[in-house]
Amino acid sequence: MSDPHVHVGRDVVHGDAAARNLVASTFGLVGELPSTLTTGCGSTVPYVMTSPRPETVTCLPCRDYTRAQRLRFATARHRNLADRFGGLT
């Protein structure tokens, strides 16, 4: 293996694995896992070399990408919540 680092998938915030697990537990259907993923640093690596958990990601550009994506998601979520409560006055 040429790249020993653990990466993060480009869609880390959307949680495709969580949606797949929900469908599997609800309906008993299991979808195919992708064999490779495009990562936050732009590489294409085997699925087994990725992790959604920040503490296990060893690729520094992927860590930076994940941090930026999570902050962007949190900001949008809080903005949406503020907008919803702002309309109650």
PDB file of N, CA and C in Angstrom:
ATOM      1  N   MET A   1       0.849  -1.170   0.000  1.00  0.00           N
ATOM      2  CA  MET A   1       0.000   0.000   0.000  1.00  0.00           C
ATOM      3  C   MET A   1       0.894   1.231   0.000  1.00  0.00           C
ATOM      4  N   SER A   2       0.626   2.173  -0.890  1.00  0.00           N
ATOM      5  CA  SER A   2       1.500   3.329  -1.012  1.00  0.00           C
ATOM      6  C   SER A   2       1.135   4.458  -0.058  1.00  0.00           C
ATOM      7  N   ASP A   3      -0.120   4.548   0.390  1.00  0.00           N
ATOM      8  CA  ASP A   3      -0.552   5.625   1.278  1.00  0.00           C
ATOM      9  C   ASP A   3      -1.001   5.034   2.612  1.00  0.00           C
ATOM     10  N   PRO A   4      -0.192   5.188   3.661  1.00  0.00           N
ATOM     11  CA  PRO A   4      -0.542   4.569   4.936  1.00  0.00           C
ATOM     12  C   PRO A   4      -1.532   5.379   5.770  1.00  0.00           C
ATOM     13  N   HIS A   5      -1.927   6.549   5.319  1.00  0.00           N
ATOM     14  CA  HIS A   5      -2.784   7.422   6.120  1.00  0.00           C
ATOM     15  C   HIS A   5      -4.251   7.021   6.080  1.00  0.00           C
ATOM     16  N   VAL A   6      -4.948   7.329   7.177  1.00  0.00           N
ATOM     17  CA  VAL A   6      -6.395   7.160   7.234  1.00  0.00           C
ATOM     18  C   VAL A   6      -6.998   8.497   6.826  1.00  0.00           C
ATOM     19  N   HIS A   7      -7.910   8.460   5.871  1.00  0.00           N
ATOM     20  CA  HIS A   7      -8.508   9.663   5.311  1.00  0.00           C
ATOM     21  C   HIS A   7      -9.957   9.796   5.760  1.00  0.00           C
ATOM     22  N   VAL A   8     -10.572  10.891   5.345  1.00  0.00           N
ATOM     23  CA  VAL A   8     -11.996  11.095   5.585  1.00  0.00           C
ATOM     24  C   VAL A   8     -12.674  11.280   4.230  1.00  0.00           C
ATOM     25  N   GLY A   9     -13.849  10.693   4.074  1.00  0.00           N
ATOM     26  CA  GLY A   9     -14.588  10.837   2.824  1.00  0.00           C
ATOM     27  C   GLY A   9     -15.076  12.257   2.633  1.00  0.00           C
ATOM     28  N   ARG A  10     -15.218  12.670   1.399  1.00  0.00           N
ATOM     29  CA  ARG A  10     -15.632  14.030   1.082  1.00  0.00           C
ATOM     30  C   ARG A  10     -17.014  14.359   1.639  1.00  0.00           C
ATOM     31  N   ASP A  11     -17.859  13.355   1.847  1.00  0.00           N
ATOM     32  CA  ASP A  11     -19.225  13.582   2.335  1.00  0.00           C
ATOM     33  C   ASP A  11     -19.354  13.275   3.825  1.00  0.00           C
ATOM     34  N   VAL A  12     -18.344  13.617   4.603  1.00  0.00           N
ATOM     35  CA  VAL A  12     -18.298  13.250   6.017  1.00  0.00           C
ATOM     36  C   VAL A  12     -19.477  13.795   6.819  1.00  0.00           C
ATOM     37  N   VAL A  13     -19.963  14.951   6.508  1.00  0.00           N
ATOM     38  CA  VAL A  13     -21.049  15.551   7.284  1.00  0.00           C
ATOM     39  C   VAL A  13     -22.383  14.901   6.988  1.00  0.00           C
ATOM     40  N   HIS A  14     -22.574  14.430   5.773  1.00  0.00           N
ATOM     41  CA  HIS A  14     -23.876  13.900   5.381  1.00  0.00           C
ATOM     42  C   HIS A  14     -24.146  12.510   5.928  1.00  0.00           C
ATOM     43  N   GLY A  15     -23.144  11.788   6.312  1.00  0.00           N
ATOM     44  CA  GLY A  15     -23.321  10.504   6.977  1.00  0.00           C
ATOM     45  C   GLY A  15     -24.039   9.450   6.167  1.00  0.00           C
ATOM     46  N   ASP A  16     -23.496   9.099   5.007  1.00  0.00           N
ATOM     47  CA  ASP A  16     -24.107   8.054   4.188  1.00  0.00           C
ATOM     48  C   ASP A  16     -24.178   6.729   4.927  1.00  0.00           C
ATOM     49  N   ALA A  17     -23.196   6.441   5.760  1.00  0.00           N
ATOM     50  CA  ALA A  17     -23.203   5.179   6.510  1.00  0.00           C
ATOM     51  C   ALA A  17     -24.367   5.157   7.498  1.00  0.00           C
ATOM     52  N   ALA A  18     -24.656   6.288   8.123  1.00  0.00           N
ATOM     53  CA  ALA A  18     -25.777   6.344   9.068  1.00  0.00           C
ATOM     54  C   ALA A  18     -27.098   6.102   8.348  1.00  0.00           C
ATOM     55  N   ALA A  19     -27.262   6.684   7.185  1.00  0.00           N
ATOM     56  CA  ALA A  19     -28.491   6.471   6.408  1.00  0.00           C
ATOM     57  C   ALA A  19     -28.587   5.014   5.963  1.00  0.00           C
ATOM     58  N   ARG A  20     -27.476   4.436   5.545  1.00  0.00           N
ATOM     59  CA  ARG A  20     -27.461   3.037   5.130  1.00  0.00           C
ATOM     60  C   ARG A  20     -27.833   2.130   6.299  1.00  0.00           C
ATOM     61  N   ASN A  21     -27.310   2.425   7.489  1.00  0.00           N
ATOM     62  CA  ASN A  21     -27.626   1.621   8.669  1.00  0.00           C
ATOM     63  C   ASN A  21     -29.097   1.749   9.055  1.00  0.00           C
ATOM     64  N   LEU A  22     -29.664   2.943   8.915  1.00  0.00           N
ATOM     65  CA  LEU A  22     -31.079   3.142   9.218  1.00  0.00           C
ATOM     66  C   LEU A  22     -31.958   2.319   8.284  1.00  0.00           C
ATOM     67  N   VAL A  23     -31.661   2.354   6.990  1.00  0.00           N
ATOM     68  CA  VAL A  23     -32.429   1.570   6.022  1.00  0.00           C
ATOM     69  C   VAL A  23     -32.281   0.076   6.310  1.00  0.00           C
ATOM     70  N   ALA A  24     -31.071  -0.344   6.644  1.00  0.00           N
ATOM     71  CA  ALA A  24     -30.835  -1.758   6.926  1.00  0.00           C
ATOM     72  C   ALA A  24     -31.602  -2.213   8.164  1.00  0.00           C
ATOM     73  N   SER A  25     -31.607  -1.395   9.211  1.00  0.00           N
ATOM     74  CA  SER A  25     -32.292  -1.801  10.432  1.00  0.00           C
ATOM     75  C   SER A  25     -33.802  -1.699  10.304  1.00  0.00           C
ATOM     76  N   THR A  26     -34.293  -0.779   9.477  1.00  0.00           N
ATOM     77  CA  THR A  26     -35.737  -0.603   9.322  1.00  0.00           C
ATOM     78  C   THR A  26     -36.347  -1.626   8.378  1.00  0.00           C
ATOM     79  N   PHE A  27     -35.744  -1.808   7.215  1.00  0.00           N
ATOM     80  CA  PHE A  27     -36.333  -2.642   6.171  1.00  0.00           C
ATOM     81  C   PHE A  27     -35.600  -3.961   5.927  1.00  0.00           C
ATOM     82  N   GLY A  28     -34.446  -4.132   6.544  1.00  0.00           N
ATOM     83  CA  GLY A  28     -33.680  -5.340   6.321  1.00  0.00           C
ATOM     84  C   GLY A  28     -32.961  -5.360   4.987  1.00  0.00           C
ATOM     85  N   LEU A  29     -32.807  -4.191   4.380  1.00  0.00           N
ATOM     86  CA  LEU A  29     -32.105  -4.084   3.094  1.00  0.00           C
ATOM     87  C   LEU A  29     -30.703  -3.554   3.336  1.00  0.00           C
ATOM     88  N   VAL A  30     -29.751  -4.125   2.660  1.00  0.00           N
ATOM     89  CA  VAL A  30     -28.372  -3.679   2.810  1.00  0.00           C
ATOM     90  C   VAL A  30     -27.831  -3.310   1.451  1.00  0.00           C
ATOM     91  N   GLY A  31     -27.365  -2.077   1.312  1.00  0.00           N
ATOM     92  CA  GLY A  31     -26.792  -1.626   0.047  1.00  0.00           C
ATOM     93  C   GLY A  31     -25.316  -1.963  -0.033  1.00  0.00           C
ATOM     94  N   GLU A  32     -24.810  -1.918  -1.237  1.00  0.00           N
ATOM     95  CA  GLU A  32     -23.384  -2.172  -1.465  1.00  0.00           C
ATOM     96  C   GLU A  32     -22.550  -0.992  -0.979  1.00  0.00           C
ATOM     97  N   LEU A  33     -21.463  -1.278  -0.317  1.00  0.00           N
ATOM     98  CA  LEU A  33     -20.510  -0.242   0.052  1.00  0.00           C
ATOM     99  C   LEU A  33     -19.639   0.073  -1.154  1.00  0.00           C
ATOM    100  N   PRO A  34     -19.258   1.326  -1.318  1.00  0.00           N
ATOM    101  CA  PRO A  34     -18.350   1.640  -2.425  1.00  0.00           C
ATOM    102  C   PRO A  34     -16.969   1.050  -2.156  1.00  0.00           C
ATOM    103  N   SER A  35     -16.272   0.670  -3.202  1.00  0.00           N
ATOM    104  CA  SER A  35     -14.932   0.106  -3.007  1.00  0.00           C
ATOM    105  C   SER A  35     -13.900   1.207  -2.796  1.00  0.00           C
ATOM    106  N   THR A  36     -14.121   2.381  -3.394  1.00  0.00           N
ATOM    107  CA  THR A  36     -13.221   3.520  -3.196  1.00  0.00           C
ATOM    108  C   THR A  36     -14.036   4.774  -2.913  1.00  0.00           C
ATOM    109  N   LEU A  37     -13.385   5.730  -2.273  1.00  0.00           N
ATOM    110  CA  LEU A  37     -14.013   7.019  -1.970  1.00  0.00           C
ATOM    111  C   LEU A  37     -13.083   8.154  -2.368  1.00  0.00           C
ATOM    112  N   THR A  38     -13.669   9.266  -2.746  1.00  0.00           N
ATOM    113  CA  THR A  38     -12.897  10.489  -2.909  1.00  0.00           C
ATOM    114  C   THR A  38     -12.827  11.135  -1.535  1.00  0.00           C
ATOM    115  N   THR A  39     -11.653  11.535  -1.147  1.00  0.00           N
ATOM    116  CA  THR A  39     -11.433  12.029   0.207  1.00  0.00           C
ATOM    117  C   THR A  39     -11.398  13.545   0.266  1.00  0.00           C
ATOM    118  N   GLY A  40     -11.324  14.056   1.483  1.00  0.00           N
ATOM    119  CA  GLY A  40     -11.258  15.494   1.696  1.00  0.00           C
ATOM    120  C   GLY A  40     -10.021  16.138   1.107  1.00  0.00           C
ATOM    121  N   CYS A  41      -8.955  15.370   0.981  1.00  0.00           N
ATOM    122  CA  CYS A  41      -7.721  15.918   0.409  1.00  0.00           C
ATOM    123  C   CYS A  41      -7.670  15.748  -1.106  1.00  0.00           C
ATOM    124  N   GLY A  42      -8.711  15.114  -1.679  1.00  0.00           N
ATOM    125  CA  GLY A  42      -8.779  14.951  -3.122  1.00  0.00           C
ATOM    126  C   GLY A  42      -8.282  13.622  -3.645  1.00  0.00           C
ATOM    127  N   SER A  43      -7.749  12.778  -2.775  1.00  0.00           N
ATOM    128  CA  SER A  43      -7.273  11.456  -3.199  1.00  0.00           C
ATOM    129  C   SER A  43      -8.449  10.500  -3.354  1.00  0.00           C
ATOM    130  N   THR A  44      -8.236   9.442  -4.099  1.00  0.00           N
ATOM    131  CA  THR A  44      -9.193   8.354  -4.171  1.00  0.00           C
ATOM    132  C   THR A  44      -8.530   7.156  -3.512  1.00  0.00           C
ATOM    133  N   VAL A  45      -9.141   6.701  -2.414  1.00  0.00           N
ATOM    134  CA  VAL A  45      -8.544   5.618  -1.633  1.00  0.00           C
ATOM    135  C   VAL A  45      -9.576   4.520  -1.400  1.00  0.00           C
ATOM    136  N   PRO A  46      -9.130   3.315  -1.033  1.00  0.00           N
ATOM    137  CA  PRO A  46     -10.083   2.257  -0.684  1.00  0.00           C
ATOM    138  C   PRO A  46     -10.954   2.680   0.499  1.00  0.00           C
ATOM    139  N   TYR A  47     -12.193   2.235   0.498  1.00  0.00           N
ATOM    140  CA  TYR A  47     -13.145   2.580   1.551  1.00  0.00           C
ATOM    141  C   TYR A  47     -12.606   2.233   2.942  1.00  0.00           C
ATOM    142  N   VAL A  48     -11.881   1.141   3.047  1.00  0.00           N
ATOM    143  CA  VAL A  48     -11.376   0.707   4.349  1.00  0.00           C
ATOM    144  C   VAL A  48     -10.302   1.643   4.911  1.00  0.00           C
ATOM    145  N   MET A  49      -9.766   2.526   4.096  1.00  0.00           N
ATOM    146  CA  MET A  49      -8.760   3.484   4.562  1.00  0.00           C
ATOM    147  C   MET A  49      -9.372   4.834   4.902  1.00  0.00           C
ATOM    148  N   THR A  50     -10.685   4.865   5.178  1.00  0.00           N
ATOM    149  CA  THR A  50     -11.366   6.101   5.562  1.00  0.00           C
ATOM    150  C   THR A  50     -12.048   5.912   6.906  1.00  0.00           C
ATOM    151  N   SER A  51     -12.298   7.022   7.577  1.00  0.00           N
ATOM    152  CA  SER A  51     -12.977   6.982   8.868  1.00  0.00           C
ATOM    153  C   SER A  51     -13.785   8.259   9.041  1.00  0.00           C
ATOM    154  N   PRO A  52     -14.996   8.185   9.597  1.00  0.00           N
ATOM    155  CA  PRO A  52     -15.771   9.395   9.886  1.00  0.00           C
ATOM    156  C   PRO A  52     -15.396  10.002  11.242  1.00  0.00           C
ATOM    157  N   ARG A  53     -14.578   9.298  12.035  1.00  0.00           N
ATOM    158  CA  ARG A  53     -14.209   9.786  13.365  1.00  0.00           C
ATOM    159  C   ARG A  53     -12.936  10.626  13.275  1.00  0.00           C
ATOM    160  N   PRO A  54     -13.002  11.896  13.670  1.00  0.00           N
ATOM    161  CA  PRO A  54     -11.851  12.793  13.529  1.00  0.00           C
ATOM    162  C   PRO A  54     -10.586  12.311  14.233  1.00  0.00           C
ATOM    163  N   GLU A  55     -10.721  11.641  15.367  1.00  0.00           N
ATOM    164  CA  GLU A  55      -9.534  11.238  16.121  1.00  0.00           C
ATOM    165  C   GLU A  55      -8.757  10.114  15.451  1.00  0.00           C
ATOM    166  N   THR A  56      -9.350   9.441  14.469  1.00  0.00           N
ATOM    167  CA  THR A  56      -8.637   8.362  13.787  1.00  0.00           C
ATOM    168  C   THR A  56      -8.088   8.770  12.422  1.00  0.00           C
ATOM    169  N   VAL A  57      -8.407   9.962  11.961  1.00  0.00           N
ATOM    170  CA  VAL A  57      -7.918  10.440  10.662  1.00  0.00           C
ATOM    171  C   VAL A  57      -6.478  10.914  10.828  1.00  0.00           C
ATOM    172  N   THR A  58      -5.566  10.360  10.016  1.00  0.00           N
ATOM    173  CA  THR A  58      -4.146  10.708  10.126  1.00  0.00           C
ATOM    174  C   THR A  58      -3.661  11.602   8.988  1.00  0.00           C
ATOM    175  N   CYS A  59      -4.462  11.802   7.956  1.00  0.00           N
ATOM    176  CA  CYS A  59      -4.094  12.688   6.854  1.00  0.00           C
ATOM    177  C   CYS A  59      -4.417  14.131   7.273  1.00  0.00           C
ATOM    178  N   LEU A  60      -3.396  14.973   7.372  1.00  0.00           N
ATOM    179  CA  LEU A  60      -3.608  16.334   7.863  1.00  0.00           C
ATOM    180  C   LEU A  60      -4.525  17.174   6.968  1.00  0.00           C
ATOM    181  N   PRO A  61      -4.387  17.123   5.626  1.00  0.00           N
ATOM    182  CA  PRO A  61      -5.343  17.875   4.799  1.00  0.00           C
ATOM    183  C   PRO A  61      -6.787  17.391   4.997  1.00  0.00           C
ATOM    184  N   CYS A  62      -6.985  16.108   5.227  1.00  0.00           N
ATOM    185  CA  CYS A  62      -8.330  15.584   5.482  1.00  0.00           C
ATOM    186  C   CYS A  62      -8.865  16.091   6.821  1.00  0.00           C
ATOM    187  N   ARG A  63      -7.998  16.187   7.826  1.00  0.00           N
ATOM    188  CA  ARG A  63      -8.427  16.740   9.115  1.00  0.00           C
ATOM    189  C   ARG A  63      -8.870  18.189   8.955  1.00  0.00           C
ATOM    190  N   ASP A  64      -8.104  18.969   8.203  1.00  0.00           N
ATOM    191  CA  ASP A  64      -8.474  20.365   7.958  1.00  0.00           C
ATOM    192  C   ASP A  64      -9.801  20.452   7.211  1.00  0.00           C
ATOM    193  N   TYR A  65      -9.973  19.598   6.221  1.00  0.00           N
ATOM    194  CA  TYR A  65     -11.215  19.570   5.441  1.00  0.00           C
ATOM    195  C   TYR A  65     -12.405  19.232   6.347  1.00  0.00           C
ATOM    196  N   THR A  66     -12.241  18.223   7.191  1.00  0.00           N
ATOM    197  CA  THR A  66     -13.310  17.802   8.088  1.00  0.00           C
ATOM    198  C   THR A  66     -13.687  18.911   9.050  1.00  0.00           C
ATOM    199  N   ARG A  67     -12.700  19.574   9.601  1.00  0.00           N
ATOM    200  CA  ARG A  67     -12.965  20.661  10.540  1.00  0.00           C
ATOM    201  C   ARG A  67     -13.760  21.769   9.856  1.00  0.00           C
ATOM    202  N   ALA A  68     -13.343  22.147   8.662  1.00  0.00           N
ATOM    203  CA  ALA A  68     -14.047  23.204   7.935  1.00  0.00           C
ATOM    204  C   ALA A  68     -15.482  22.786   7.599  1.00  0.00           C
ATOM    205  N   GLN A  69     -15.678  21.528   7.198  1.00  0.00           N
ATOM    206  CA  GLN A  69     -17.019  21.051   6.853  1.00  0.00           C
ATOM    207  C   GLN A  69     -17.922  21.016   8.083  1.00  0.00           C
ATOM    208  N   ARG A  70     -17.409  20.556   9.190  1.00  0.00           N
ATOM    209  CA  ARG A  70     -18.216  20.490  10.417  1.00  0.00           C
ATOM    210  C   ARG A  70     -18.571  21.885  10.918  1.00  0.00           C
ATOM    211  N   LEU A  71     -17.633  22.824  10.834  1.00  0.00           N
ATOM    212  CA  LEU A  71     -17.930  24.204  11.228  1.00  0.00           C
ATOM    213  C   LEU A  71     -18.974  24.822  10.303  1.00  0.00           C
ATOM    214  N   ARG A  72     -18.867  24.571   9.012  1.00  0.00           N
ATOM    215  CA  ARG A  72     -19.835  25.098   8.053  1.00  0.00           C
ATOM    216  C   ARG A  72     -21.225  24.519   8.326  1.00  0.00           C
ATOM    217  N   PHE A  73     -21.286  23.221   8.617  1.00  0.00           N
ATOM    218  CA  PHE A  73     -22.557  22.568   8.915  1.00  0.00           C
ATOM    219  C   PHE A  73     -23.164  23.131  10.200  1.00  0.00           C
ATOM    220  N   ALA A  74     -22.341  23.306  11.245  1.00  0.00           N
ATOM    221  CA  ALA A  74     -22.834  23.829  12.518  1.00  0.00           C
ATOM    222  C   ALA A  74     -23.328  25.267  12.360  1.00  0.00           C
ATOM    223  N   THR A  75     -22.600  26.067  11.598  1.00  0.00           N
ATOM    224  CA  THR A  75     -23.003  27.448  11.377  1.00  0.00           C
ATOM    225  C   THR A  75     -24.346  27.514  10.659  1.00  0.00           C
ATOM    226  N   ALA A  76     -24.499  26.712   9.618  1.00  0.00           N
ATOM    227  CA  ALA A  76     -25.760  26.704   8.870  1.00  0.00           C
ATOM    228  C   ALA A  76     -26.904  26.230   9.753  1.00  0.00           C
ATOM    229  N   ARG A  77     -26.655  25.224  10.568  1.00  0.00           N
ATOM    230  CA  ARG A  77     -27.703  24.701  11.462  1.00  0.00           C
ATOM    231  C   ARG A  77     -28.115  25.743  12.492  1.00  0.00           C
ATOM    232  N   HIS A  78     -27.144  26.426  13.091  1.00  0.00           N
ATOM    233  CA  HIS A  78     -27.471  27.453  14.078  1.00  0.00           C
ATOM    234  C   HIS A  78     -28.156  28.651  13.429  1.00  0.00           C
ATOM    235  N   ARG A  79     -27.739  28.985  12.220  1.00  0.00           N
ATOM    236  CA  ARG A  79     -28.385  30.087  11.511  1.00  0.00           C
ATOM    237  C   ARG A  79     -29.849  29.743  11.237  1.00  0.00           C
ATOM    238  N   ASN A  80     -30.116  28.525  10.824  1.00  0.00           N
ATOM    239  CA  ASN A  80     -31.476  28.081  10.568  1.00  0.00           C
ATOM    240  C   ASN A  80     -32.302  28.127  11.852  1.00  0.00           C
ATOM    241  N   LEU A  81     -31.737  27.669  12.946  1.00  0.00           N
ATOM    242  CA  LEU A  81     -32.434  27.691  14.230  1.00  0.00           C
ATOM    243  C   LEU A  81     -32.727  29.128  14.665  1.00  0.00           C
ATOM    244  N   ALA A  82     -31.763  30.024  14.486  1.00  0.00           N
ATOM    245  CA  ALA A  82     -31.960  31.431  14.844  1.00  0.00           C
ATOM    246  C   ALA A  82     -33.042  32.063  13.981  1.00  0.00           C
ATOM    247  N   ASP A  83     -33.070  31.727  12.708  1.00  0.00           N
ATOM    248  CA  ASP A  83     -34.104  32.252  11.822  1.00  0.00           C
ATOM    249  C   ASP A  83     -35.492  31.780  12.239  1.00  0.00           C
ATOM    250  N   ARG A  84     -35.591  30.521  12.640  1.00  0.00           N
ATOM    251  CA  ARG A  84     -36.876  29.984  13.064  1.00  0.00           C
ATOM    252  C   ARG A  84     -37.355  30.660  14.334  1.00  0.00           C
ATOM    253  N   PHE A  85     -36.472  30.890  15.300  1.00  0.00           N
ATOM    254  CA  PHE A  85     -36.852  31.558  16.534  1.00  0.00           C
ATOM    255  C   PHE A  85     -37.022  33.058  16.335  1.00  0.00           C
ATOM    256  N   GLY A  86     -36.317  33.622  15.379  1.00  0.00           N
ATOM    257  CA  GLY A  86     -36.440  35.056  15.095  1.00  0.00           C
ATOM    258  C   GLY A  86     -37.814  35.439  14.593  1.00  0.00           C
ATOM    259  N   GLY A  87     -38.498  34.520  13.947  1.00  0.00           N
ATOM    260  CA  GLY A  87     -39.817  34.792  13.410  1.00  0.00           C
ATOM    261  C   GLY A  87     -40.919  34.713  14.445  1.00  0.00           C
ATOM    262  N   LEU A  88     -40.585  34.400  15.688  1.00  0.00           N
ATOM    263  CA  LEU A  88     -41.609  34.227  16.724  1.00  0.00           C
ATOM    264  C   LEU A  88     -41.935  35.518  17.461  1.00  0.00           C
ATOM    265  N   THR A  89     -41.222  36.587  17.198  1.00  0.00           N
ATOM    266  CA  THR A  89     -41.471  37.829  17.923  1.00  0.00           C
ATOM    267  C   THR A  89     -42.628  38.602  17.365  1.00  0.00           C
TER     268      THR A  89
END
